[in-house]
Amino acid sequence: MNPYLRDKLLQKLETMADERGYQVLDYVEFLESKYAERQSPAAATAANPLSRFADAVEEKLRAGRVSASTIAETMSLMNKAVGVLNGAAAAGKSVASDLMTATSRVVDAAAAAASSAATPSSGTTGATGAAGTPPSGVADAAPPAAGATDATTK
């Protein structure tokens, strides 16, 4: 719809009473059902479930011949509730996303630590000197035999 037509319609709608506004809405929905292309089931279910619920409540109220002012007040409250619930859902999604990011970092760090621990290092170590050989002075010393005494300890 072009902006000029949209503005003109909004001007007209803003001056109408709620009762007339609902009549216009009924007519627009009639035209939509008569001339609009059918939505695929996937597109229909992709809409926000809370908004669909609010729309269904509004339709039931209108079908039950409830006054336009009562419908307007009810829908105002429902829209506020939907806004609060959407905010809570967005916060929950944000927390879940942060939790997944943190978990992914921990898993990556654990995998890196495991792979570095599993890789044997080559070369010398501080305790043995050359690879696989004991430190100097230790190779010549043999452990004492069982029952043998050291001459220096007497």
N, C-alpha and C. Protein backbone atom coordinates (compact mmCIF):
# COMPACT_ATOMS: atom_id res chain seq x y z
N MET A 1 0.85 -1.17 0.00
CA MET A 1 0.00 0.00 0.00
C MET A 1 0.90 1.24 0.00
N ASN A 2 0.52 2.21 -0.81
CA ASN A 2 1.37 3.41 -0.88
C ASN A 2 1.16 4.28 0.36
N PRO A 3 2.18 5.06 0.71
CA PRO A 3 2.13 5.86 1.95
C PRO A 3 0.98 6.87 1.98
N TYR A 4 0.63 7.46 0.85
CA TYR A 4 -0.45 8.45 0.82
C TYR A 4 -1.77 7.79 1.22
N LEU A 5 -2.06 6.65 0.63
CA LEU A 5 -3.30 5.94 0.93
C LEU A 5 -3.33 5.50 2.39
N ARG A 6 -2.20 5.00 2.89
CA ARG A 6 -2.13 4.56 4.28
C ARG A 6 -2.41 5.74 5.23
N ASP A 7 -1.80 6.90 4.95
CA ASP A 7 -2.02 8.07 5.79
C ASP A 7 -3.48 8.52 5.76
N LYS A 8 -4.06 8.49 4.58
CA LYS A 8 -5.46 8.90 4.42
C LYS A 8 -6.38 7.98 5.22
N LEU A 9 -6.14 6.68 5.14
CA LEU A 9 -6.94 5.71 5.90
C LEU A 9 -6.76 5.92 7.41
N LEU A 10 -5.55 6.14 7.83
CA LEU A 10 -5.30 6.36 9.26
C LEU A 10 -6.01 7.61 9.76
N GLN A 11 -6.02 8.67 8.96
CA GLN A 11 -6.74 9.89 9.35
C GLN A 11 -8.22 9.58 9.56
N LYS A 12 -8.79 8.84 8.66
CA LYS A 12 -10.21 8.50 8.76
C LYS A 12 -10.47 7.61 9.98
N LEU A 13 -9.61 6.64 10.20
CA LEU A 13 -9.80 5.70 11.30
C LEU A 13 -9.66 6.38 12.66
N GLU A 14 -8.76 7.35 12.76
CA GLU A 14 -8.54 8.01 14.05
C GLU A 14 -9.75 8.81 14.51
N THR A 15 -10.57 9.24 13.60
CA THR A 15 -11.74 10.04 13.97
C THR A 15 -12.96 9.18 14.28
N MET A 16 -12.89 7.88 13.99
CA MET A 16 -14.04 7.00 14.20
C MET A 16 -14.14 6.52 15.64
N ALA A 17 -15.36 6.21 16.03
CA ALA A 17 -15.59 5.56 17.32
C ALA A 17 -15.12 4.10 17.23
N ASP A 18 -14.91 3.49 18.39
CA ASP A 18 -14.44 2.10 18.41
C ASP A 18 -15.41 1.17 17.69
N GLU A 19 -16.70 1.39 17.88
CA GLU A 19 -17.70 0.53 17.25
C GLU A 19 -17.55 0.55 15.72
N ARG A 20 -17.38 1.74 15.15
CA ARG A 20 -17.19 1.86 13.69
C ARG A 20 -15.84 1.28 13.27
N GLY A 21 -14.85 1.44 14.12
CA GLY A 21 -13.53 0.87 13.82
C GLY A 21 -13.59 -0.64 13.70
N TYR A 22 -14.37 -1.28 14.58
CA TYR A 22 -14.51 -2.73 14.49
C TYR A 22 -15.30 -3.15 13.25
N GLN A 23 -16.22 -2.33 12.83
CA GLN A 23 -16.93 -2.63 11.58
C GLN A 23 -15.97 -2.55 10.40
N VAL A 24 -15.10 -1.55 10.40
CA VAL A 24 -14.09 -1.43 9.33
C VAL A 24 -13.16 -2.65 9.37
N LEU A 25 -12.75 -3.04 10.57
CA LEU A 25 -11.88 -4.20 10.70
C LEU A 25 -12.56 -5.46 10.17
N ASP A 26 -13.84 -5.63 10.49
CA ASP A 26 -14.58 -6.78 9.96
C ASP A 26 -14.58 -6.78 8.43
N TYR A 27 -14.79 -5.61 7.85
CA TYR A 27 -14.83 -5.52 6.39
C TYR A 27 -13.45 -5.81 5.79
N VAL A 28 -12.41 -5.30 6.43
CA VAL A 28 -11.05 -5.56 5.93
C VAL A 28 -10.74 -7.05 6.00
N GLU A 29 -11.12 -7.68 7.10
CA GLU A 29 -10.89 -9.12 7.22
C GLU A 29 -11.70 -9.90 6.20
N PHE A 30 -12.91 -9.44 5.91
CA PHE A 30 -13.72 -10.08 4.87
C PHE A 30 -13.01 -9.98 3.52
N LEU A 31 -12.53 -8.78 3.19
CA LEU A 31 -11.83 -8.60 1.92
C LEU A 31 -10.56 -9.45 1.87
N GLU A 32 -9.88 -9.51 2.98
CA GLU A 32 -8.66 -10.31 3.04
C GLU A 32 -8.96 -11.79 2.78
N SER A 33 -10.02 -12.28 3.39
CA SER A 33 -10.35 -13.70 3.21
C SER A 33 -10.85 -13.98 1.80
N LYS A 34 -11.49 -13.00 1.20
CA LYS A 34 -12.05 -13.21 -0.13
C LYS A 34 -10.98 -13.12 -1.22
N TYR A 35 -10.06 -12.15 -1.10
CA TYR A 35 -9.13 -11.88 -2.19
C TYR A 35 -7.67 -12.25 -1.90
N ALA A 36 -7.32 -12.46 -0.67
CA ALA A 36 -5.92 -12.74 -0.34
C ALA A 36 -5.56 -14.16 -0.74
N GLU A 37 -4.29 -14.35 -1.05
CA GLU A 37 -3.79 -15.69 -1.33
C GLU A 37 -3.71 -16.45 -0.02
N ARG A 38 -3.88 -17.73 -0.11
CA ARG A 38 -3.84 -18.56 1.08
C ARG A 38 -2.41 -18.65 1.59
N GLN A 39 -2.26 -18.57 2.92
CA GLN A 39 -0.96 -18.74 3.53
C GLN A 39 -0.66 -20.22 3.66
N SER A 40 0.62 -20.53 3.59
CA SER A 40 1.00 -21.92 3.82
C SER A 40 0.87 -22.21 5.31
N PRO A 41 0.64 -23.45 5.68
CA PRO A 41 0.51 -23.78 7.11
C PRO A 41 1.76 -23.41 7.90
N ALA A 42 2.94 -23.51 7.29
CA ALA A 42 4.18 -23.16 7.99
C ALA A 42 4.23 -21.67 8.28
N ALA A 43 3.75 -20.85 7.36
CA ALA A 43 3.75 -19.40 7.58
C ALA A 43 2.73 -19.02 8.64
N ALA A 44 1.63 -19.72 8.70
CA ALA A 44 0.61 -19.41 9.70
C ALA A 44 1.09 -19.76 11.11
N THR A 45 1.83 -20.85 11.25
CA THR A 45 2.32 -21.24 12.57
C THR A 45 3.56 -20.48 12.97
N ALA A 46 4.19 -19.76 12.02
CA ALA A 46 5.40 -19.00 12.34
C ALA A 46 5.09 -17.74 13.11
N ALA A 47 3.82 -17.28 13.08
CA ALA A 47 3.45 -16.08 13.82
C ALA A 47 3.58 -16.34 15.32
N ASN A 48 3.75 -15.28 16.06
CA ASN A 48 3.90 -15.37 17.51
C ASN A 48 2.65 -16.02 18.12
N PRO A 49 2.81 -17.08 18.89
CA PRO A 49 1.64 -17.76 19.47
C PRO A 49 0.85 -16.85 20.42
N LEU A 50 1.54 -15.95 21.11
CA LEU A 50 0.83 -15.05 22.02
C LEU A 50 -0.05 -14.08 21.25
N SER A 51 0.45 -13.59 20.13
CA SER A 51 -0.35 -12.69 19.29
C SER A 51 -1.54 -13.42 18.69
N ARG A 52 -1.32 -14.67 18.28
CA ARG A 52 -2.44 -15.46 17.75
C ARG A 52 -3.50 -15.67 18.82
N PHE A 53 -3.07 -15.90 20.07
CA PHE A 53 -4.01 -16.08 21.17
C PHE A 53 -4.81 -14.80 21.40
N ALA A 54 -4.12 -13.65 21.40
CA ALA A 54 -4.81 -12.37 21.59
C ALA A 54 -5.82 -12.13 20.46
N ASP A 55 -5.42 -12.45 19.24
CA ASP A 55 -6.34 -12.29 18.11
C ASP A 55 -7.57 -13.19 18.27
N ALA A 56 -7.36 -14.41 18.74
CA ALA A 56 -8.48 -15.34 18.92
C ALA A 56 -9.42 -14.84 20.01
N VAL A 57 -8.86 -14.28 21.09
CA VAL A 57 -9.71 -13.73 22.15
C VAL A 57 -10.53 -12.57 21.61
N GLU A 58 -9.90 -11.70 20.84
CA GLU A 58 -10.62 -10.56 20.27
C GLU A 58 -11.77 -11.03 19.36
N GLU A 59 -11.49 -12.03 18.54
CA GLU A 59 -12.54 -12.55 17.66
C GLU A 59 -13.71 -13.13 18.45
N LYS A 60 -13.40 -13.84 19.54
CA LYS A 60 -14.48 -14.41 20.37
C LYS A 60 -15.31 -13.30 21.01
N LEU A 61 -14.63 -12.25 21.48
CA LEU A 61 -15.35 -11.15 22.10
C LEU A 61 -16.25 -10.45 21.08
N ARG A 62 -15.72 -10.25 19.88
CA ARG A 62 -16.52 -9.60 18.85
C ARG A 62 -17.69 -10.47 18.44
N ALA A 63 -17.47 -11.76 18.35
CA ALA A 63 -18.56 -12.68 17.96
C ALA A 63 -19.62 -12.75 19.05
N GLY A 64 -19.22 -12.51 20.31
CA GLY A 64 -20.15 -12.56 21.42
C GLY A 64 -20.89 -11.25 21.65
N ARG A 65 -20.76 -10.32 20.73
CA ARG A 65 -21.46 -9.03 20.81
C ARG A 65 -21.11 -8.25 22.07
N VAL A 66 -19.83 -8.31 22.47
CA VAL A 66 -19.35 -7.53 23.60
C VAL A 66 -19.13 -6.10 23.10
N SER A 67 -19.33 -5.12 23.97
CA SER A 67 -19.22 -3.72 23.55
C SER A 67 -17.80 -3.41 23.08
N ALA A 68 -17.70 -2.46 22.18
CA ALA A 68 -16.41 -2.10 21.59
C ALA A 68 -15.45 -1.55 22.64
N SER A 69 -15.95 -0.79 23.61
CA SER A 69 -15.06 -0.24 24.64
C SER A 69 -14.50 -1.35 25.52
N THR A 70 -15.31 -2.36 25.83
CA THR A 70 -14.83 -3.49 26.62
C THR A 70 -13.78 -4.27 25.84
N ILE A 71 -14.01 -4.47 24.57
CA ILE A 71 -13.03 -5.17 23.72
C ILE A 71 -11.74 -4.37 23.67
N ALA A 72 -11.84 -3.04 23.50
CA ALA A 72 -10.65 -2.20 23.42
C ALA A 72 -9.84 -2.28 24.72
N GLU A 73 -10.50 -2.21 25.88
CA GLU A 73 -9.81 -2.32 27.16
C GLU A 73 -9.17 -3.69 27.34
N THR A 74 -9.90 -4.72 26.97
CA THR A 74 -9.37 -6.09 27.08
C THR A 74 -8.14 -6.26 26.21
N MET A 75 -8.22 -5.78 24.98
CA MET A 75 -7.09 -5.94 24.06
C MET A 75 -5.90 -5.10 24.50
N SER A 76 -6.15 -3.95 25.09
CA SER A 76 -5.06 -3.13 25.62
C SER A 76 -4.32 -3.89 26.71
N LEU A 77 -5.06 -4.49 27.62
CA LEU A 77 -4.43 -5.28 28.68
C LEU A 77 -3.71 -6.51 28.12
N MET A 78 -4.33 -7.16 27.16
CA MET A 78 -3.69 -8.34 26.57
C MET A 78 -2.42 -7.96 25.82
N ASN A 79 -2.43 -6.83 25.12
CA ASN A 79 -1.22 -6.39 24.41
C ASN A 79 -0.10 -6.09 25.39
N LYS A 80 -0.43 -5.50 26.54
CA LYS A 80 0.59 -5.26 27.56
C LYS A 80 1.15 -6.58 28.08
N ALA A 81 0.26 -7.53 28.33
CA ALA A 81 0.69 -8.84 28.82
C ALA A 81 1.56 -9.55 27.78
N VAL A 82 1.18 -9.46 26.52
CA VAL A 82 1.97 -10.08 25.45
C VAL A 82 3.35 -9.43 25.39
N GLY A 83 3.40 -8.11 25.56
CA GLY A 83 4.69 -7.42 25.56
C GLY A 83 5.59 -7.88 26.69
N VAL A 84 5.01 -8.04 27.89
CA VAL A 84 5.78 -8.52 29.03
C VAL A 84 6.28 -9.94 28.78
N LEU A 85 5.41 -10.80 28.29
CA LEU A 85 5.80 -12.19 28.04
C LEU A 85 6.85 -12.28 26.92
N ASN A 86 6.72 -11.44 25.89
CA ASN A 86 7.73 -11.43 24.83
C ASN A 86 9.08 -10.98 25.38
N GLY A 87 9.06 -9.99 26.28
CA GLY A 87 10.30 -9.54 26.91
C GLY A 87 10.93 -10.64 27.75
N ALA A 88 10.11 -11.35 28.50
CA ALA A 88 10.61 -12.46 29.31
C ALA A 88 11.18 -13.57 28.43
N ALA A 89 10.50 -13.84 27.32
CA ALA A 89 11.00 -14.87 26.40
C ALA A 89 12.33 -14.45 25.78
N ALA A 90 12.45 -13.17 25.42
CA ALA A 90 13.70 -12.67 24.85
C ALA A 90 14.83 -12.76 25.87
N ALA A 91 14.53 -12.44 27.13
CA ALA A 91 15.54 -12.55 28.18
C ALA A 91 15.97 -14.00 28.37
N GLY A 92 15.00 -14.90 28.35
CA GLY A 92 15.33 -16.33 28.47
C GLY A 92 16.20 -16.82 27.33
N LYS A 93 15.89 -16.37 26.12
CA LYS A 93 16.70 -16.76 24.97
C LYS A 93 18.11 -16.21 25.10
N SER A 94 18.24 -14.99 25.60
CA SER A 94 19.55 -14.38 25.78
C SER A 94 20.38 -15.16 26.81
N VAL A 95 19.74 -15.54 27.91
CA VAL A 95 20.44 -16.32 28.94
C VAL A 95 20.86 -17.67 28.37
N ALA A 96 19.98 -18.31 27.63
CA ALA A 96 20.32 -19.61 27.03
C ALA A 96 21.47 -19.47 26.04
N SER A 97 21.46 -18.41 25.26
CA SER A 97 22.53 -18.18 24.30
C SER A 97 23.86 -17.95 25.01
N ASP A 98 23.83 -17.13 26.08
CA ASP A 98 25.05 -16.90 26.86
C ASP A 98 25.55 -18.19 27.49
N LEU A 99 24.64 -19.00 27.99
CA LEU A 99 25.01 -20.27 28.59
C LEU A 99 25.66 -21.20 27.57
N MET A 100 25.09 -21.25 26.38
CA MET A 100 25.66 -22.09 25.31
C MET A 100 27.05 -21.60 24.90
N THR A 101 27.23 -20.28 24.83
CA THR A 101 28.53 -19.72 24.48
C THR A 101 29.56 -20.08 25.53
N ALA A 102 29.20 -19.92 26.81
CA ALA A 102 30.13 -20.25 27.90
C ALA A 102 30.46 -21.74 27.90
N THR A 103 29.45 -22.57 27.68
CA THR A 103 29.68 -24.02 27.64
C THR A 103 30.60 -24.38 26.48
N SER A 104 30.40 -23.76 25.35
CA SER A 104 31.24 -24.02 24.19
C SER A 104 32.69 -23.64 24.48
N ARG A 105 32.89 -22.53 25.17
CA ARG A 105 34.26 -22.10 25.52
C ARG A 105 34.91 -23.10 26.46
N VAL A 106 34.16 -23.59 27.44
CA VAL A 106 34.70 -24.56 28.39
C VAL A 106 35.05 -25.86 27.67
N VAL A 107 34.18 -26.31 26.79
CA VAL A 107 34.44 -27.55 26.04
C VAL A 107 35.68 -27.38 25.16
N ASP A 108 35.81 -26.23 24.49
CA ASP A 108 36.98 -25.98 23.65
C ASP A 108 38.26 -25.95 24.48
N ALA A 109 38.21 -25.32 25.66
CA ALA A 109 39.39 -25.26 26.52
C ALA A 109 39.75 -26.64 27.03
N ALA A 110 38.76 -27.45 27.40
CA ALA A 110 39.02 -28.81 27.87
C ALA A 110 39.61 -29.67 26.76
N ALA A 111 39.09 -29.51 25.55
CA ALA A 111 39.62 -30.28 24.42
C ALA A 111 41.06 -29.88 24.12
N ALA A 112 41.36 -28.59 24.21
CA ALA A 112 42.73 -28.13 23.96
C ALA A 112 43.67 -28.65 25.04
N ALA A 113 43.21 -28.65 26.30
CA ALA A 113 44.05 -29.15 27.39
C ALA A 113 44.28 -30.65 27.26
N ALA A 114 43.25 -31.37 26.85
CA ALA A 114 43.38 -32.82 26.68
C ALA A 114 44.32 -33.16 25.54
N SER A 115 44.24 -32.39 24.45
CA SER A 115 45.12 -32.70 23.32
C SER A 115 46.56 -32.32 23.63
N SER A 116 46.81 -31.28 24.42
CA SER A 116 48.18 -30.92 24.76
C SER A 116 48.75 -31.89 25.78
N ALA A 117 47.93 -32.46 26.66
CA ALA A 117 48.39 -33.44 27.63
C ALA A 117 48.68 -34.78 26.96
N ALA A 118 47.96 -35.10 25.91
CA ALA A 118 48.14 -36.38 25.23
C ALA A 118 49.35 -36.36 24.30
N THR A 119 49.82 -35.19 23.90
CA THR A 119 50.97 -35.09 23.00
C THR A 119 52.25 -35.22 23.82
N PRO A 120 53.08 -36.30 23.59
CA PRO A 120 54.32 -36.46 24.37
C PRO A 120 55.34 -35.40 23.92
N SER A 121 56.07 -34.87 24.93
CA SER A 121 57.10 -33.88 24.59
C SER A 121 58.43 -34.59 24.44
N SER A 122 59.25 -34.15 23.52
CA SER A 122 60.55 -34.77 23.28
C SER A 122 61.62 -33.89 23.89
N GLY A 123 62.81 -34.43 24.06
CA GLY A 123 63.92 -33.64 24.59
C GLY A 123 64.22 -34.04 26.01
N THR A 124 64.75 -33.12 26.77
CA THR A 124 65.19 -33.43 28.13
C THR A 124 64.17 -32.93 29.13
N THR A 125 64.28 -33.51 30.31
CA THR A 125 63.46 -33.04 31.41
C THR A 125 64.39 -32.54 32.49
N GLY A 126 63.91 -31.74 33.37
CA GLY A 126 64.76 -31.16 34.40
C GLY A 126 65.26 -32.20 35.38
N ALA A 127 64.57 -33.29 35.61
CA ALA A 127 64.94 -34.27 36.63
C ALA A 127 65.91 -35.30 36.11
N THR A 128 65.93 -35.61 34.82
CA THR A 128 66.74 -36.72 34.34
C THR A 128 67.93 -36.28 33.52
N GLY A 129 68.08 -35.02 33.18
CA GLY A 129 69.20 -34.60 32.34
C GLY A 129 68.90 -34.96 30.92
N ALA A 130 69.65 -35.89 30.31
CA ALA A 130 69.42 -36.35 28.95
C ALA A 130 68.18 -37.22 28.98
N ALA A 131 67.55 -37.35 27.83
CA ALA A 131 66.29 -38.08 27.77
C ALA A 131 66.48 -39.50 28.22
N GLY A 132 65.79 -39.90 29.29
CA GLY A 132 65.79 -41.27 29.75
C GLY A 132 66.99 -41.64 30.60
N THR A 133 67.93 -40.77 30.88
CA THR A 133 69.10 -41.11 31.70
C THR A 133 68.99 -40.40 33.03
N PRO A 134 69.41 -41.03 34.10
CA PRO A 134 69.33 -40.41 35.40
C PRO A 134 70.34 -39.26 35.52
N PRO A 135 70.19 -38.37 36.46
CA PRO A 135 71.13 -37.27 36.63
C PRO A 135 72.52 -37.80 36.93
N SER A 136 73.50 -36.99 36.68
CA SER A 136 74.90 -37.42 36.87
C SER A 136 75.15 -37.73 38.33
N GLY A 137 75.98 -38.75 38.58
CA GLY A 137 76.30 -39.18 39.92
C GLY A 137 75.34 -40.22 40.45
N VAL A 138 74.20 -40.34 39.88
CA VAL A 138 73.22 -41.30 40.35
C VAL A 138 73.40 -42.63 39.62
N ALA A 139 73.92 -42.60 38.40
CA ALA A 139 74.07 -43.82 37.62
C ALA A 139 75.08 -44.76 38.24
N ASP A 140 76.09 -44.21 38.90
CA ASP A 140 77.13 -45.06 39.46
C ASP A 140 76.70 -45.67 40.78
N ALA A 141 75.81 -45.07 41.47
CA ALA A 141 75.40 -45.57 42.77
C ALA A 141 74.37 -46.65 42.59
N ALA A 142 74.60 -47.76 43.27
CA ALA A 142 73.66 -48.86 43.25
C ALA A 142 72.89 -48.85 44.56
N PRO A 143 71.68 -49.31 44.55
CA PRO A 143 70.94 -49.34 45.81
C PRO A 143 71.60 -50.33 46.77
N PRO A 144 71.54 -50.05 48.07
CA PRO A 144 72.18 -50.97 49.03
C PRO A 144 71.48 -52.33 49.03
N ALA A 145 72.23 -53.35 49.27
CA ALA A 145 71.68 -54.70 49.32
C ALA A 145 70.87 -54.85 50.60
N ALA A 146 70.00 -55.79 50.59
CA ALA A 146 69.15 -56.02 51.75
C ALA A 146 70.03 -56.45 52.91
N GLY A 147 69.86 -55.82 54.07
CA GLY A 147 70.63 -56.18 55.26
C GLY A 147 72.00 -55.55 55.31
N ALA A 148 72.42 -54.87 54.27
CA ALA A 148 73.75 -54.24 54.26
C ALA A 148 73.68 -52.92 55.00
N THR A 149 74.77 -52.56 55.66
CA THR A 149 74.84 -51.30 56.38
C THR A 149 75.87 -50.44 55.74
N ASP A 150 75.71 -49.15 55.88
CA ASP A 150 76.65 -48.18 55.30
C ASP A 150 77.71 -47.90 56.35
N ALA A 151 78.95 -47.87 55.98
CA ALA A 151 80.07 -47.66 56.90
C ALA A 151 80.06 -46.27 57.48
N THR A 152 79.47 -45.32 56.83
CA THR A 152 79.48 -43.94 57.32
C THR A 152 78.43 -43.70 58.38
N THR A 153 77.44 -44.56 58.50
CA THR A 153 76.39 -44.36 59.48
C THR A 153 76.70 -44.95 60.83
N LYS A 154 77.80 -45.67 60.97
CA LYS A 154 78.10 -46.32 62.24
C LYS A 154 78.79 -45.42 63.19
